[in-house]
Structure formats: C-alpha cells, structure tokens
Amino acid sequence: MNKFSKNYTIASNLVLCSFIIGLVILFMRGLEDWGDVLIAGVFLALRYFSVFLIKRRFTWAKYLLIILIVKNIHRLFNLETSPQFNAFAIGLVILQIVITVVAFFLITKIPSKLDLKRRDNY
C-alpha cells in the first residue's frame, strides 16, 4: 500500500468520525419541523456517502468535503447567534470542521518533488 492510498483510508475514517459527531449534534439540538429533518438528513447522507467515495479513492470527493466544510461554518455562525447558546454544541461543530479540513488536506496532498525523486530512484 503506497503512502497516498493510506491517506485516503485515514481521511475516510476521519469523515466517518465527523458523521458520528453530526449524529450527536442532531440528537442534542433536536428538530423543530420537517424542513430541519430534511436538511439534516441530506447533509448526514452526503457525509456518509463521502466516506465511501473517499475510501474508493474518488478524487472528486474533495468537492463534497468543501460543501460539508462550508455547511459546518454556516451552522457554527447560526449556533453562535441563537438564543440557546450551547458551548458543547459549538465545540462539537468546531471539532467537526477541524476533522473535515484535515481529511480534505489528506486527500488533496500533492506529492513533493523529493517524494517523486525517491520513487523514481527505486
């Protein structure tokens, strides 16, 4: 297994962890109407679907991660301005953002020139 396929495996596990954090946030926050249920379901399904795409090494899964990062940043600003300020929920959203960003960097890592020279020498 080469170094870059290992990065995809680690990234898919990280996105799976952020999916589990999303479930925890969902149960903590609660849902008021069917619109919230639909939006939460779509983004949780997108996150779960991206786990399998990353695991199978689809390079375009990075665009799904960008969508998920933007959605989490939007959720973070909504949590900070809500009257039900919950520091634990905000911490979980920040953790979810950090995990998704790390996964994004793992799958977009471009091999350096030094790595390419080492690979060519063998």
PDB file of N, CA and C in Angstrom:
ATOM      1  N   MET A   1       0.859  -1.179   0.000  1.00  0.00           N
ATOM      2  CA  MET A   1       0.000   0.000   0.000  1.00  0.00           C
ATOM      3  C   MET A   1       0.897   1.231   0.000  1.00  0.00           C
ATOM      4  N   ASN A   2       0.705   2.087  -0.968  1.00  0.00           N
ATOM      5  CA  ASN A   2       1.548   3.265  -1.009  1.00  0.00           C
ATOM      6  C   ASN A   2       1.051   4.334  -0.038  1.00  0.00           C
ATOM      7  N   LYS A   3       1.833   5.370   0.087  1.00  0.00           N
ATOM      8  CA  LYS A   3       1.568   6.405   1.084  1.00  0.00           C
ATOM      9  C   LYS A   3       0.271   7.150   0.815  1.00  0.00           C
ATOM     10  N   PHE A   4      -0.062   7.350  -0.456  1.00  0.00           N
ATOM     11  CA  PHE A   4      -1.236   8.158  -0.770  1.00  0.00           C
ATOM     12  C   PHE A   4      -2.528   7.377  -0.598  1.00  0.00           C
ATOM     13  N   SER A   5      -2.518   6.078  -0.829  1.00  0.00           N
ATOM     14  CA  SER A   5      -3.724   5.298  -0.581  1.00  0.00           C
ATOM     15  C   SER A   5      -3.981   5.200   0.916  1.00  0.00           C
ATOM     16  N   LYS A   6      -2.928   5.232   1.707  1.00  0.00           N
ATOM     17  CA  LYS A   6      -3.079   5.259   3.163  1.00  0.00           C
ATOM     18  C   LYS A   6      -3.738   6.565   3.603  1.00  0.00           C
ATOM     19  N   ASN A   7      -3.410   7.657   2.918  1.00  0.00           N
ATOM     20  CA  ASN A   7      -4.040   8.943   3.227  1.00  0.00           C
ATOM     21  C   ASN A   7      -5.543   8.896   2.976  1.00  0.00           C
ATOM     22  N   TYR A   8      -5.971   8.229   1.923  1.00  0.00           N
ATOM     23  CA  TYR A   8      -7.393   8.110   1.630  1.00  0.00           C
ATOM     24  C   TYR A   8      -8.108   7.296   2.708  1.00  0.00           C
ATOM     25  N   THR A   9      -7.471   6.256   3.187  1.00  0.00           N
ATOM     26  CA  THR A   9      -8.070   5.440   4.239  1.00  0.00           C
ATOM     27  C   THR A   9      -8.208   6.237   5.527  1.00  0.00           C
ATOM     28  N   ILE A  10      -7.191   6.965   5.886  1.00  0.00           N
ATOM     29  CA  ILE A  10      -7.248   7.799   7.090  1.00  0.00           C
ATOM     30  C   ILE A  10      -8.308   8.881   6.928  1.00  0.00           C
ATOM     31  N   ALA A  11      -8.362   9.496   5.760  1.00  0.00           N
ATOM     32  CA  ALA A  11      -9.347  10.548   5.517  1.00  0.00           C
ATOM     33  C   ALA A  11     -10.772  10.010   5.589  1.00  0.00           C
ATOM     34  N   SER A  12     -11.005   8.808   5.057  1.00  0.00           N
ATOM     35  CA  SER A  12     -12.358   8.250   5.125  1.00  0.00           C
ATOM     36  C   SER A  12     -12.745   7.934   6.566  1.00  0.00           C
ATOM     37  N   ASN A  13     -11.800   7.472   7.368  1.00  0.00           N
ATOM     38  CA  ASN A  13     -12.093   7.235   8.785  1.00  0.00           C
ATOM     39  C   ASN A  13     -12.375   8.538   9.527  1.00  0.00           C
ATOM     40  N   LEU A  14     -11.666   9.597   9.177  1.00  0.00           N
ATOM     41  CA  LEU A  14     -11.926  10.894   9.798  1.00  0.00           C
ATOM     42  C   LEU A  14     -13.318  11.422   9.439  1.00  0.00           C
ATOM     43  N   VAL A  15     -13.712  11.262   8.187  1.00  0.00           N
ATOM     44  CA  VAL A  15     -15.034  11.716   7.772  1.00  0.00           C
ATOM     45  C   VAL A  15     -16.114  10.871   8.452  1.00  0.00           C
ATOM     46  N   LEU A  16     -15.845   9.596   8.669  1.00  0.00           N
ATOM     47  CA  LEU A  16     -16.787   8.756   9.403  1.00  0.00           C
ATOM     48  C   LEU A  16     -16.930   9.239  10.847  1.00  0.00           C
ATOM     49  N   CYS A  17     -15.833   9.651  11.463  1.00  0.00           N
ATOM     50  CA  CYS A  17     -15.896  10.228  12.815  1.00  0.00           C
ATOM     51  C   CYS A  17     -16.710  11.517  12.816  1.00  0.00           C
ATOM     52  N   SER A  18     -16.558  12.335  11.790  1.00  0.00           N
ATOM     53  CA  SER A  18     -17.338  13.572  11.734  1.00  0.00           C
ATOM     54  C   SER A  18     -18.818  13.273  11.478  1.00  0.00           C
ATOM     55  N   PHE A  19     -19.119  12.169  10.800  1.00  0.00           N
ATOM     56  CA  PHE A  19     -20.507  11.733  10.633  1.00  0.00           C
ATOM     57  C   PHE A  19     -21.113  11.378  11.990  1.00  0.00           C
ATOM     58  N   ILE A  20     -20.367  10.663  12.805  1.00  0.00           N
ATOM     59  CA  ILE A  20     -20.855  10.299  14.140  1.00  0.00           C
ATOM     60  C   ILE A  20     -21.043  11.537  15.001  1.00  0.00           C
ATOM     61  N   ILE A  21     -20.145  12.497  14.896  1.00  0.00           N
ATOM     62  CA  ILE A  21     -20.304  13.755  15.620  1.00  0.00           C
ATOM     63  C   ILE A  21     -21.553  14.482  15.136  1.00  0.00           C
ATOM     64  N   GLY A  22     -21.825  14.418  13.835  1.00  0.00           N
ATOM     65  CA  GLY A  22     -23.036  15.033  13.287  1.00  0.00           C
ATOM     66  C   GLY A  22     -24.301  14.405  13.854  1.00  0.00           C
ATOM     67  N   LEU A  23     -24.286  13.081  14.059  1.00  0.00           N
ATOM     68  CA  LEU A  23     -25.431  12.421  14.687  1.00  0.00           C
ATOM     69  C   LEU A  23     -25.618  12.893  16.126  1.00  0.00           C
ATOM     70  N   VAL A  24     -24.516  13.050  16.848  1.00  0.00           N
ATOM     71  CA  VAL A  24     -24.594  13.533  18.229  1.00  0.00           C
ATOM     72  C   VAL A  24     -25.162  14.945  18.264  1.00  0.00           C
ATOM     73  N   ILE A  25     -24.713  15.793  17.366  1.00  0.00           N
ATOM     74  CA  ILE A  25     -25.214  17.165  17.288  1.00  0.00           C
ATOM     75  C   ILE A  25     -26.696  17.163  16.956  1.00  0.00           C
ATOM     76  N   LEU A  26     -27.104  16.286  16.065  1.00  0.00           N
ATOM     77  CA  LEU A  26     -28.507  16.191  15.673  1.00  0.00           C
ATOM     78  C   LEU A  26     -29.388  15.836  16.867  1.00  0.00           C
ATOM     79  N   PHE A  27     -28.968  14.866  17.668  1.00  0.00           N
ATOM     80  CA  PHE A  27     -29.774  14.474  18.815  1.00  0.00           C
ATOM     81  C   PHE A  27     -29.729  15.503  19.937  1.00  0.00           C
ATOM     82  N   MET A  28     -28.626  16.242  20.039  1.00  0.00           N
ATOM     83  CA  MET A  28     -28.537  17.299  21.059  1.00  0.00           C
ATOM     84  C   MET A  28     -29.428  18.477  20.710  1.00  0.00           C
ATOM     85  N   ARG A  29     -29.413  18.838  19.454  1.00  0.00           N
ATOM     86  CA  ARG A  29     -30.123  20.043  19.023  1.00  0.00           C
ATOM     87  C   ARG A  29     -31.618  19.816  18.935  1.00  0.00           C
ATOM     88  N   GLY A  30     -31.995  18.681  18.450  1.00  0.00           N
ATOM     89  CA  GLY A  30     -33.413  18.424  18.230  1.00  0.00           C
ATOM     90  C   GLY A  30     -33.865  19.088  16.940  1.00  0.00           C
ATOM     91  N   LEU A  31     -34.989  18.636  16.423  1.00  0.00           N
ATOM     92  CA  LEU A  31     -35.503  19.156  15.160  1.00  0.00           C
ATOM     93  C   LEU A  31     -36.911  19.697  15.389  1.00  0.00           C
ATOM     94  N   GLU A  32     -37.153  20.898  14.877  1.00  0.00           N
ATOM     95  CA  GLU A  32     -38.433  21.549  15.102  1.00  0.00           C
ATOM     96  C   GLU A  32     -39.488  21.192  14.059  1.00  0.00           C
ATOM     97  N   ASP A  33     -39.102  21.135  12.794  1.00  0.00           N
ATOM     98  CA  ASP A  33     -40.081  20.874  11.732  1.00  0.00           C
ATOM     99  C   ASP A  33     -39.480  19.956  10.672  1.00  0.00           C
ATOM    100  N   TRP A  34     -40.272  19.643   9.670  1.00  0.00           N
ATOM    101  CA  TRP A  34     -39.835  18.712   8.630  1.00  0.00           C
ATOM    102  C   TRP A  34     -38.718  19.273   7.760  1.00  0.00           C
ATOM    103  N   GLY A  35     -38.634  20.585   7.664  1.00  0.00           N
ATOM    104  CA  GLY A  35     -37.542  21.193   6.897  1.00  0.00           C
ATOM    105  C   GLY A  35     -36.195  20.906   7.541  1.00  0.00           C
ATOM    106  N   ASP A  36     -36.145  20.989   8.876  1.00  0.00           N
ATOM    107  CA  ASP A  36     -34.906  20.663   9.587  1.00  0.00           C
ATOM    108  C   ASP A  36     -34.545  19.193   9.420  1.00  0.00           C
ATOM    109  N   VAL A  37     -35.551  18.333   9.461  1.00  0.00           N
ATOM    110  CA  VAL A  37     -35.314  16.902   9.299  1.00  0.00           C
ATOM    111  C   VAL A  37     -34.745  16.621   7.907  1.00  0.00           C
ATOM    112  N   LEU A  38     -35.309  17.256   6.903  1.00  0.00           N
ATOM    113  CA  LEU A  38     -34.856  17.049   5.527  1.00  0.00           C
ATOM    114  C   LEU A  38     -33.426  17.535   5.318  1.00  0.00           C
ATOM    115  N   ILE A  39     -33.135  18.734   5.789  1.00  0.00           N
ATOM    116  CA  ILE A  39     -31.790  19.294   5.615  1.00  0.00           C
ATOM    117  C   ILE A  39     -30.759  18.477   6.385  1.00  0.00           C
ATOM    118  N   ALA A  40     -31.079  18.122   7.628  1.00  0.00           N
ATOM    119  CA  ALA A  40     -30.144  17.320   8.421  1.00  0.00           C
ATOM    120  C   ALA A  40     -29.928  15.952   7.781  1.00  0.00           C
ATOM    121  N   GLY A  41     -30.980  15.354   7.282  1.00  0.00           N
ATOM    122  CA  GLY A  41     -30.859  14.051   6.635  1.00  0.00           C
ATOM    123  C   GLY A  41     -30.030  14.105   5.373  1.00  0.00           C
ATOM    124  N   VAL A  42     -30.219  15.152   4.578  1.00  0.00           N
ATOM    125  CA  VAL A  42     -29.451  15.284   3.333  1.00  0.00           C
ATOM    126  C   VAL A  42     -27.962  15.448   3.626  1.00  0.00           C
ATOM    127  N   PHE A  43     -27.621  16.285   4.592  1.00  0.00           N
ATOM    128  CA  PHE A  43     -26.202  16.511   4.853  1.00  0.00           C
ATOM    129  C   PHE A  43     -25.553  15.345   5.588  1.00  0.00           C
ATOM    130  N   LEU A  44     -26.304  14.642   6.420  1.00  0.00           N
ATOM    131  CA  LEU A  44     -25.746  13.434   7.030  1.00  0.00           C
ATOM    132  C   LEU A  44     -25.547  12.344   5.979  1.00  0.00           C
ATOM    133  N   ALA A  45     -26.494  12.211   5.060  1.00  0.00           N
ATOM    134  CA  ALA A  45     -26.343  11.228   3.984  1.00  0.00           C
ATOM    135  C   ALA A  45     -25.171  11.603   3.072  1.00  0.00           C
ATOM    136  N   LEU A  46     -24.999  12.892   2.806  1.00  0.00           N
ATOM    137  CA  LEU A  46     -23.875  13.351   1.991  1.00  0.00           C
ATOM    138  C   LEU A  46     -22.548  13.036   2.675  1.00  0.00           C
ATOM    139  N   ARG A  47     -22.499  13.232   3.974  1.00  0.00           N
ATOM    140  CA  ARG A  47     -21.278  12.942   4.725  1.00  0.00           C
ATOM    141  C   ARG A  47     -20.990  11.435   4.711  1.00  0.00           C
ATOM    142  N   TYR A  48     -22.036  10.632   4.895  1.00  0.00           N
ATOM    143  CA  TYR A  48     -21.860   9.177   4.896  1.00  0.00           C
ATOM    144  C   TYR A  48     -21.475   8.670   3.503  1.00  0.00           C
ATOM    145  N   PHE A  49     -22.057   9.250   2.468  1.00  0.00           N
ATOM    146  CA  PHE A  49     -21.733   8.893   1.086  1.00  0.00           C
ATOM    147  C   PHE A  49     -20.287   9.263   0.759  1.00  0.00           C
ATOM    148  N   SER A  50     -19.827  10.395   1.290  1.00  0.00           N
ATOM    149  CA  SER A  50     -18.454  10.813   1.013  1.00  0.00           C
ATOM    150  C   SER A  50     -17.441   9.882   1.666  1.00  0.00           C
ATOM    151  N   VAL A  51     -17.819   9.204   2.766  1.00  0.00           N
ATOM    152  CA  VAL A  51     -16.920   8.218   3.374  1.00  0.00           C
ATOM    153  C   VAL A  51     -16.587   7.118   2.372  1.00  0.00           C
ATOM    154  N   PHE A  52     -17.607   6.616   1.686  1.00  0.00           N
ATOM    155  CA  PHE A  52     -17.386   5.544   0.716  1.00  0.00           C
ATOM    156  C   PHE A  52     -16.651   6.041  -0.529  1.00  0.00           C
ATOM    157  N   LEU A  53     -16.924   7.268  -0.933  1.00  0.00           N
ATOM    158  CA  LEU A  53     -16.214   7.808  -2.096  1.00  0.00           C
ATOM    159  C   LEU A  53     -14.735   7.986  -1.811  1.00  0.00           C
ATOM    160  N   ILE A  54     -14.430   8.465  -0.622  1.00  0.00           N
ATOM    161  CA  ILE A  54     -13.024   8.650  -0.259  1.00  0.00           C
ATOM    162  C   ILE A  54     -12.341   7.296  -0.104  1.00  0.00           C
ATOM    163  N   LYS A  55     -13.045   6.351   0.494  1.00  0.00           N
ATOM    164  CA  LYS A  55     -12.477   5.012   0.689  1.00  0.00           C
ATOM    165  C   LYS A  55     -12.149   4.356  -0.647  1.00  0.00           C
ATOM    166  N   ARG A  56     -12.948   4.619  -1.672  1.00  0.00           N
ATOM    167  CA  ARG A  56     -12.706   4.061  -3.008  1.00  0.00           C
ATOM    168  C   ARG A  56     -11.803   4.955  -3.859  1.00  0.00           C
ATOM    169  N   ARG A  57     -11.252   6.000  -3.243  1.00  0.00           N
ATOM    170  CA  ARG A  57     -10.250   6.889  -3.838  1.00  0.00           C
ATOM    171  C   ARG A  57     -10.763   7.707  -5.018  1.00  0.00           C
ATOM    172  N   PHE A  58     -11.994   8.177  -4.915  1.00  0.00           N
ATOM    173  CA  PHE A  58     -12.504   9.117  -5.915  1.00  0.00           C
ATOM    174  C   PHE A  58     -11.951  10.496  -5.580  1.00  0.00           C
ATOM    175  N   THR A  59     -11.239  11.090  -6.507  1.00  0.00           N
ATOM    176  CA  THR A  59     -10.606  12.375  -6.218  1.00  0.00           C
ATOM    177  C   THR A  59     -11.611  13.515  -6.163  1.00  0.00           C
ATOM    178  N   TRP A  60     -12.769  13.357  -6.803  1.00  0.00           N
ATOM    179  CA  TRP A  60     -13.756  14.437  -6.783  1.00  0.00           C
ATOM    180  C   TRP A  60     -14.523  14.472  -5.468  1.00  0.00           C
ATOM    181  N   ALA A  61     -14.237  13.572  -4.541  1.00  0.00           N
ATOM    182  CA  ALA A  61     -14.874  13.617  -3.217  1.00  0.00           C
ATOM    183  C   ALA A  61     -14.429  14.840  -2.435  1.00  0.00           C
ATOM    184  N   LYS A  62     -13.310  15.436  -2.856  1.00  0.00           N
ATOM    185  CA  LYS A  62     -12.847  16.646  -2.167  1.00  0.00           C
ATOM    186  C   LYS A  62     -13.836  17.787  -2.324  1.00  0.00           C
ATOM    187  N   TYR A  63     -14.604  17.800  -3.414  1.00  0.00           N
ATOM    188  CA  TYR A  63     -15.604  18.847  -3.584  1.00  0.00           C
ATOM    189  C   TYR A  63     -16.782  18.649  -2.627  1.00  0.00           C
ATOM    190  N   LEU A  64     -17.106  17.416  -2.320  1.00  0.00           N
ATOM    191  CA  LEU A  64     -18.122  17.150  -1.300  1.00  0.00           C
ATOM    192  C   LEU A  64     -17.646  17.615   0.068  1.00  0.00           C
ATOM    193  N   LEU A  65     -16.361  17.421   0.337  1.00  0.00           N
ATOM    194  CA  LEU A  65     -15.821  17.883   1.609  1.00  0.00           C
ATOM    195  C   LEU A  65     -15.849  19.399   1.712  1.00  0.00           C
ATOM    196  N   ILE A  66     -15.628  20.089   0.608  1.00  0.00           N
ATOM    197  CA  ILE A  66     -15.719  21.552   0.623  1.00  0.00           C
ATOM    198  C   ILE A  66     -17.137  21.994   0.954  1.00  0.00           C
ATOM    199  N   ILE A  67     -18.129  21.322   0.360  1.00  0.00           N
ATOM    200  CA  ILE A  67     -19.535  21.633   0.649  1.00  0.00           C
ATOM    201  C   ILE A  67     -19.830  21.399   2.124  1.00  0.00           C
ATOM    202  N   LEU A  68     -19.315  20.301   2.674  1.00  0.00           N
ATOM    203  CA  LEU A  68     -19.558  19.995   4.070  1.00  0.00           C
ATOM    204  C   LEU A  68     -18.867  20.990   5.006  1.00  0.00           C
ATOM    205  N   ILE A  69     -17.688  21.443   4.644  1.00  0.00           N
ATOM    206  CA  ILE A  69     -16.988  22.437   5.457  1.00  0.00           C
ATOM    207  C   ILE A  69     -17.757  23.752   5.464  1.00  0.00           C
ATOM    208  N   VAL A  70     -18.228  24.171   4.300  1.00  0.00           N
ATOM    209  CA  VAL A  70     -18.997  25.420   4.219  1.00  0.00           C
ATOM    210  C   VAL A  70     -20.293  25.309   5.022  1.00  0.00           C
ATOM    211  N   LYS A  71     -20.962  24.171   4.940  1.00  0.00           N
ATOM    212  CA  LYS A  71     -22.191  23.967   5.706  1.00  0.00           C
ATOM    213  C   LYS A  71     -21.920  24.011   7.209  1.00  0.00           C
ATOM    214  N   ASN A  72     -20.804  23.416   7.648  1.00  0.00           N
ATOM    215  CA  ASN A  72     -20.475  23.449   9.072  1.00  0.00           C
ATOM    216  C   ASN A  72     -20.126  24.850   9.550  1.00  0.00           C
ATOM    217  N   ILE A  73     -19.457  25.612   8.719  1.00  0.00           N
ATOM    218  CA  ILE A  73     -19.153  27.002   9.096  1.00  0.00           C
ATOM    219  C   ILE A  73     -20.445  27.802   9.199  1.00  0.00           C
ATOM    220  N   HIS A  74     -21.366  27.560   8.280  1.00  0.00           N
ATOM    221  CA  HIS A  74     -22.678  28.221   8.342  1.00  0.00           C
ATOM    222  C   HIS A  74     -23.414  27.816   9.621  1.00  0.00           C
ATOM    223  N   ARG A  75     -23.358  26.536   9.966  1.00  0.00           N
ATOM    224  CA  ARG A  75     -24.004  26.059  11.193  1.00  0.00           C
ATOM    225  C   ARG A  75     -23.357  26.681  12.428  1.00  0.00           C
ATOM    226  N   LEU A  76     -22.046  26.860  12.396  1.00  0.00           N
ATOM    227  CA  LEU A  76     -21.341  27.462  13.525  1.00  0.00           C
ATOM    228  C   LEU A  76     -21.812  28.881  13.777  1.00  0.00           C
ATOM    229  N   PHE A  77     -21.972  29.665  12.710  1.00  0.00           N
ATOM    230  CA  PHE A  77     -22.452  31.035  12.887  1.00  0.00           C
ATOM    231  C   PHE A  77     -23.900  31.065  13.349  1.00  0.00           C
ATOM    232  N   ASN A  78     -24.712  30.105  12.910  1.00  0.00           N
ATOM    233  CA  ASN A  78     -26.097  30.040  13.382  1.00  0.00           C
ATOM    234  C   ASN A  78     -26.175  29.655  14.850  1.00  0.00           C
ATOM    235  N   LEU A  79     -25.286  28.781  15.307  1.00  0.00           N
ATOM    236  CA  LEU A  79     -25.280  28.395  16.717  1.00  0.00           C
ATOM    237  C   LEU A  79     -24.835  29.534  17.609  1.00  0.00           C
ATOM    238  N   GLU A  80     -23.872  30.324  17.140  1.00  0.00           N
ATOM    239  CA  GLU A  80     -23.380  31.429  17.955  1.00  0.00           C
ATOM    240  C   GLU A  80     -24.408  32.542  18.093  1.00  0.00           C
ATOM    241  N   THR A  81     -25.254  32.715  17.102  1.00  0.00           N
ATOM    242  CA  THR A  81     -26.246  33.792  17.170  1.00  0.00           C
ATOM    243  C   THR A  81     -27.586  33.326  17.720  1.00  0.00           C
ATOM    244  N   SER A  82     -27.722  32.030  18.010  1.00  0.00           N
ATOM    245  CA  SER A  82     -29.005  31.539  18.508  1.00  0.00           C
ATOM    246  C   SER A  82     -29.156  31.881  19.988  1.00  0.00           C
ATOM    247  N   PRO A  83     -30.403  32.055  20.443  1.00  0.00           N
ATOM    248  CA  PRO A  83     -30.610  32.374  21.854  1.00  0.00           C
ATOM    249  C   PRO A  83     -30.286  31.188  22.769  1.00  0.00           C
ATOM    250  N   GLN A  84     -30.299  29.978  22.232  1.00  0.00           N
ATOM    251  CA  GLN A  84     -29.974  28.787  23.027  1.00  0.00           C
ATOM    252  C   GLN A  84     -28.489  28.478  22.845  1.00  0.00           C
ATOM    253  N   PHE A  85     -27.650  29.336  23.365  1.00  0.00           N
ATOM    254  CA  PHE A  85     -26.205  29.214  23.221  1.00  0.00           C
ATOM    255  C   PHE A  85     -25.720  28.008  24.014  1.00  0.00           C
ATOM    256  N   ASN A  86     -25.149  27.036  23.321  1.00  0.00           N
ATOM    257  CA  ASN A  86     -24.660  25.821  23.949  1.00  0.00           C
ATOM    258  C   ASN A  86     -23.189  25.656  23.583  1.00  0.00           C
ATOM    259  N   ALA A  87     -22.322  25.835  24.563  1.00  0.00           N
ATOM    260  CA  ALA A  87     -20.883  25.789  24.305  1.00  0.00           C
ATOM    261  C   ALA A  87     -20.436  24.403  23.862  1.00  0.00           C
ATOM    262  N   PHE A  88     -21.072  23.351  24.369  1.00  0.00           N
ATOM    263  CA  PHE A  88     -20.691  21.992  23.986  1.00  0.00           C
ATOM    264  C   PHE A  88     -21.013  21.731  22.515  1.00  0.00           C
ATOM    265  N   ALA A  89     -22.178  22.188  22.067  1.00  0.00           N
ATOM    266  CA  ALA A  89     -22.552  22.008  20.660  1.00  0.00           C
ATOM    267  C   ALA A  89     -21.618  22.784  19.743  1.00  0.00           C
ATOM    268  N   ILE A  90     -21.238  23.973  20.140  1.00  0.00           N
ATOM    269  CA  ILE A  90     -20.303  24.761  19.337  1.00  0.00           C
ATOM    270  C   ILE A  90     -18.944  24.074  19.288  1.00  0.00           C
ATOM    271  N   GLY A  91     -18.520  23.497  20.399  1.00  0.00           N
ATOM    272  CA  GLY A  91     -17.261  22.753  20.415  1.00  0.00           C
ATOM    273  C   GLY A  91     -17.298  21.549  19.490  1.00  0.00           C
ATOM    274  N   LEU A  92     -18.449  20.864  19.453  1.00  0.00           N
ATOM    275  CA  LEU A  92     -18.579  19.716  18.553  1.00  0.00           C
ATOM    276  C   LEU A  92     -18.547  20.140  17.086  1.00  0.00           C
ATOM    277  N   VAL A  93     -19.177  21.258  16.771  1.00  0.00           N
ATOM    278  CA  VAL A  93     -19.162  21.741  15.384  1.00  0.00           C
ATOM    279  C   VAL A  93     -17.749  22.158  14.984  1.00  0.00           C
ATOM    280  N   ILE A  94     -17.031  22.803  15.895  1.00  0.00           N
ATOM    281  CA  ILE A  94     -15.642  23.186  15.603  1.00  0.00           C
ATOM    282  C   ILE A  94     -14.784  21.939  15.408  1.00  0.00           C
ATOM    283  N   LEU A  95     -14.996  20.915  16.245  1.00  0.00           N
ATOM    284  CA  LEU A  95     -14.266  19.660  16.082  1.00  0.00           C
ATOM    285  C   LEU A  95     -14.593  19.005  14.742  1.00  0.00           C
ATOM    286  N   GLN A  96     -15.850  19.075  14.344  1.00  0.00           N
ATOM    287  CA  GLN A  96     -16.268  18.510  13.064  1.00  0.00           C
ATOM    288  C   GLN A  96     -15.610  19.258  11.903  1.00  0.00           C
ATOM    289  N   ILE A  97     -15.515  20.562  12.005  1.00  0.00           N
ATOM    290  CA  ILE A  97     -14.852  21.355  10.966  1.00  0.00           C
ATOM    291  C   ILE A  97     -13.376  20.984  10.872  1.00  0.00           C
ATOM    292  N   VAL A  98     -12.704  20.885  12.015  1.00  0.00           N
ATOM    293  CA  VAL A  98     -11.275  20.561  12.025  1.00  0.00           C
ATOM    294  C   VAL A  98     -11.031  19.176  11.426  1.00  0.00           C
ATOM    295  N   ILE A  99     -11.853  18.201  11.804  1.00  0.00           N
ATOM    296  CA  ILE A  99     -11.690  16.843  11.275  1.00  0.00           C
ATOM    297  C   ILE A  99     -11.900  16.815   9.768  1.00  0.00           C
ATOM    298  N   THR A 100     -12.902  17.539   9.281  1.00  0.00           N
ATOM    299  CA  THR A 100     -13.181  17.555   7.847  1.00  0.00           C
ATOM    300  C   THR A 100     -12.074  18.265   7.074  1.00  0.00           C
ATOM    301  N   VAL A 101     -11.529  19.330   7.643  1.00  0.00           N
ATOM    302  CA  VAL A 101     -10.430  20.047   6.985  1.00  0.00           C
ATOM    303  C   VAL A 101      -9.182  19.162   6.914  1.00  0.00           C
ATOM    304  N   VAL A 102      -8.891  18.427   7.989  1.00  0.00           N
ATOM    305  CA  VAL A 102      -7.741  17.523   7.974  1.00  0.00           C
ATOM    306  C   VAL A 102      -7.942  16.435   6.919  1.00  0.00           C
ATOM    307  N   ALA A 103      -9.146  15.891   6.828  1.00  0.00           N
ATOM    308  CA  ALA A 103      -9.438  14.881   5.804  1.00  0.00           C
ATOM    309  C   ALA A 103      -9.276  15.480   4.408  1.00  0.00           C
ATOM    310  N   PHE A 104      -9.720  16.714   4.234  1.00  0.00           N
ATOM    311  CA  PHE A 104      -9.579  17.388   2.941  1.00  0.00           C
ATOM    312  C   PHE A 104      -8.112  17.532   2.561  1.00  0.00           C
ATOM    313  N   PHE A 105      -7.277  17.942   3.506  1.00  0.00           N
ATOM    314  CA  PHE A 105      -5.856  18.092   3.212  1.00  0.00           C
ATOM    315  C   PHE A 105      -5.171  16.759   2.949  1.00  0.00           C
ATOM    316  N   LEU A 106      -5.658  15.704   3.595  1.00  0.00           N
ATOM    317  CA  LEU A 106      -5.053  14.393   3.342  1.00  0.00           C
ATOM    318  C   LEU A 106      -5.314  13.893   1.923  1.00  0.00           C
ATOM    319  N   ILE A 107      -6.518  14.157   1.399  1.00  0.00           N
ATOM    320  CA  ILE A 107      -6.789  13.642   0.054  1.00  0.00           C
ATOM    321  C   ILE A 107      -6.335  14.588  -1.043  1.00  0.00           C
ATOM    322  N   THR A 108      -6.024  15.836  -0.699  1.00  0.00           N
ATOM    323  CA  THR A 108      -5.533  16.755  -1.720  1.00  0.00           C
ATOM    324  C   THR A 108      -4.025  16.925  -1.665  1.00  0.00           C
ATOM    325  N   LYS A 109      -3.370  16.179  -0.793  1.00  0.00           N
ATOM    326  CA  LYS A 109      -1.924  16.296  -0.664  1.00  0.00           C
ATOM    327  C   LYS A 109      -1.263  15.880  -1.970  1.00  0.00           C
ATOM    328  N   ILE A 110      -0.462  16.769  -2.497  1.00  0.00           N
ATOM    329  CA  ILE A 110       0.250  16.527  -3.750  1.00  0.00           C
ATOM    330  C   ILE A 110       1.659  16.067  -3.393  1.00  0.00           C
ATOM    331  N   PRO A 111       2.133  15.014  -4.035  1.00  0.00           N
ATOM    332  CA  PRO A 111       3.475  14.543  -3.693  1.00  0.00           C
ATOM    333  C   PRO A 111       4.529  15.605  -3.998  1.00  0.00           C
ATOM    334  N   SER A 112       5.457  15.744  -3.096  1.00  0.00           N
ATOM    335  CA  SER A 112       6.513  16.736  -3.300  1.00  0.00           C
ATOM    336  C   SER A 112       7.532  16.221  -4.314  1.00  0.00           C
ATOM    337  N   LYS A 113       8.393  17.109  -4.767  1.00  0.00           N
ATOM    338  CA  LYS A 113       9.415  16.726  -5.745  1.00  0.00           C
ATOM    339  C   LYS A 113      10.390  15.716  -5.144  1.00  0.00           C
ATOM    340  N   LEU A 114      10.662  15.851  -3.861  1.00  0.00           N
ATOM    341  CA  LEU A 114      11.560  14.923  -3.201  1.00  0.00           C
ATOM    342  C   LEU A 114      10.961  13.520  -3.176  1.00  0.00           C
ATOM    343  N   ASP A 115       9.665  13.398  -2.909  1.00  0.00           N
ATOM    344  CA  ASP A 115       8.999  12.088  -2.921  1.00  0.00           C
ATOM    345  C   ASP A 115       9.027  11.484  -4.310  1.00  0.00           C
ATOM    346  N   LEU A 116       8.832  12.321  -5.342  1.00  0.00           N
ATOM    347  CA  LEU A 116       8.858  11.805  -6.713  1.00  0.00           C
ATOM    348  C   LEU A 116      10.254  11.333  -7.104  1.00  0.00           C
ATOM    349  N   LYS A 117      11.296  12.031  -6.659  1.00  0.00           N
ATOM    350  CA  LYS A 117      12.668  11.610  -6.954  1.00  0.00           C
ATOM    351  C   LYS A 117      12.985  10.284  -6.275  1.00  0.00           C
ATOM    352  N   ARG A 118      12.537  10.128  -5.031  1.00  0.00           N
ATOM    353  CA  ARG A 118      12.778   8.878  -4.327  1.00  0.00           C
ATOM    354  C   ARG A 118      12.071   7.712  -5.018  1.00  0.00           C
ATOM    355  N   ARG A 119      10.863   7.960  -5.478  1.00  0.00           N
ATOM    356  CA  ARG A 119      10.102   6.907  -6.147  1.00  0.00           C
ATOM    357  C   ARG A 119      10.746   6.538  -7.490  1.00  0.00           C
ATOM    358  N   ASP A 120      11.299   7.532  -8.191  1.00  0.00           N
ATOM    359  CA  ASP A 120      11.940   7.265  -9.475  1.00  0.00           C
ATOM    360  C   ASP A 120      13.250   6.495  -9.304  1.00  0.00           C
ATOM    361  N   ASN A 121      13.933   6.698  -8.193  1.00  0.00           N
ATOM    362  CA  ASN A 121      15.213   6.019  -7.950  1.00  0.00           C
ATOM    363  C   ASN A 121      15.035   4.542  -7.658  1.00  0.00           C
ATOM    364  N   TYR A 122      13.883   4.128  -7.204  1.00  0.00           N
ATOM    365  CA  TYR A 122      13.660   2.720  -6.847  1.00  0.00           C
ATOM    366  C   TYR A 122      13.201   1.956  -8.003  1.00  0.00           C
TER     367      TYR A 122
END
